[in-house]
Every structure is written in C-alpha cells, then in structure tokens.
Protein backbone atom coordinates (compact mmCIF):
# COMPACT_ATOMS: atom_id res chain seq x y z
CA MET A 1 -12.66 22.60 24.30
CA ILE A 2 -11.38 23.28 20.82
CA VAL A 3 -7.82 22.65 19.65
CA VAL A 4 -6.90 24.86 16.68
CA GLU A 5 -4.06 23.83 14.40
CA ASN A 6 -2.83 26.60 12.13
CA TYR A 7 -1.49 25.39 8.75
CA PHE A 8 -1.12 26.81 5.26
CA THR A 9 -3.14 23.91 3.83
CA SER A 10 -5.64 21.56 5.48
CA ASP A 11 -3.50 18.43 5.09
CA GLY A 12 -2.54 18.22 8.78
CA HIS A 13 1.19 17.92 7.93
CA GLY A 14 1.32 14.44 9.43
CA HIS A 15 0.55 15.66 12.93
CA ASN A 16 -1.24 13.36 15.35
CA TYR A 17 -4.99 14.03 15.07
CA ASP A 18 -5.84 11.60 17.89
CA GLY A 19 -3.37 13.36 20.17
CA TYR A 20 -4.95 16.74 19.46
CA LEU A 21 -8.42 15.30 19.92
CA GLY A 22 -7.32 13.88 23.27
CA LEU A 23 -6.11 17.33 24.33
CA SER A 24 -9.55 18.75 23.54
CA GLN A 25 -11.40 16.26 25.74
CA ARG A 26 -11.48 16.95 29.45
CA ASP A 27 -13.62 15.88 32.39
CA GLY A 28 -15.63 13.50 30.19
CA ARG A 29 -16.58 16.26 27.76
CA ARG A 30 -16.27 16.04 24.00
CA GLY A 31 -13.88 18.29 22.13
CA ALA A 32 -13.00 19.23 18.59
CA VAL A 33 -9.99 19.74 16.36
CA VAL A 34 -10.11 22.66 13.92
CA LEU A 35 -7.65 23.18 11.08
CA LEU A 36 -7.23 26.91 10.47
CA CYS A 37 -5.60 27.41 7.08
CA ALA A 38 -5.26 29.54 3.98
CA ASP A 39 -6.35 26.76 1.60
CA GLU A 40 -8.65 23.79 2.09
CA ASP A 41 -7.52 20.67 0.23
CA SER A 42 -9.65 17.89 1.68
CA PRO A 43 -8.21 15.06 -0.48
CA LEU A 44 -4.90 15.61 1.35
CA GLN A 45 -6.48 15.20 4.79
CA ALA A 46 -5.58 11.75 6.12
CA ALA A 47 -4.64 9.91 9.32
CA GLY A 48 -7.67 11.28 11.15
CA GLN A 49 -7.34 14.85 9.89
CA GLU A 50 -10.35 14.20 7.63
CA ASN A 51 -12.41 14.26 10.85
CA ALA A 52 -11.28 17.79 11.73
CA SER A 53 -13.32 20.86 10.94
CA VAL A 54 -11.65 23.19 8.45
CA VAL A 55 -11.86 26.98 8.62
CA THR A 56 -10.01 29.08 6.07
CA TYR A 57 -8.65 32.51 6.87
CA GLY A 58 -11.02 33.99 4.27
CA ARG A 59 -14.07 32.34 5.81
CA LEU A 60 -13.00 33.44 9.27
CA LEU A 61 -12.67 37.02 8.08
CA GLY A 62 -15.95 36.83 6.14
CA GLN A 63 -14.33 37.02 2.73
CA ALA A 64 -15.57 35.01 -0.21
CA ALA A 65 -13.12 32.58 -1.77
CA GLY A 66 -11.69 33.91 -4.99
C-alpha cells in the first residue's frame, strides 16, 4: 500500500513519517510513503521524511522542470 502526502514542498511539514509508514503496512506487507509536491527540497526533509519517495506535480504530469 502507498500513503501519499500532498504538500507544496517536500519537507514533510513536521508530520509523523513513521505513523504514515505504519498506515502503509498491512498483513505483514511492506508499504511506502510518497510526498507529492510542487517543489522538491530534499535538504528540508527530516524526521524520517528523507526516507519517503518524492514525486513532483510536473514529473507526475510528464513535464520537465523549468
């Protein structure tokens, strides 16, 4: 299962990464946390959020970053 968190930037806004990861894991299966955002700013990802996959709106829509 995938838990998608929708933010403007990829910093996680202090939300609980481990809690989201726990929601994605069911019946002994692994899960994933994905940060869906307008801008990726990986230096701001902390408190577990650095382990999340990041997908920008532009990448999702197949648009090159400008």
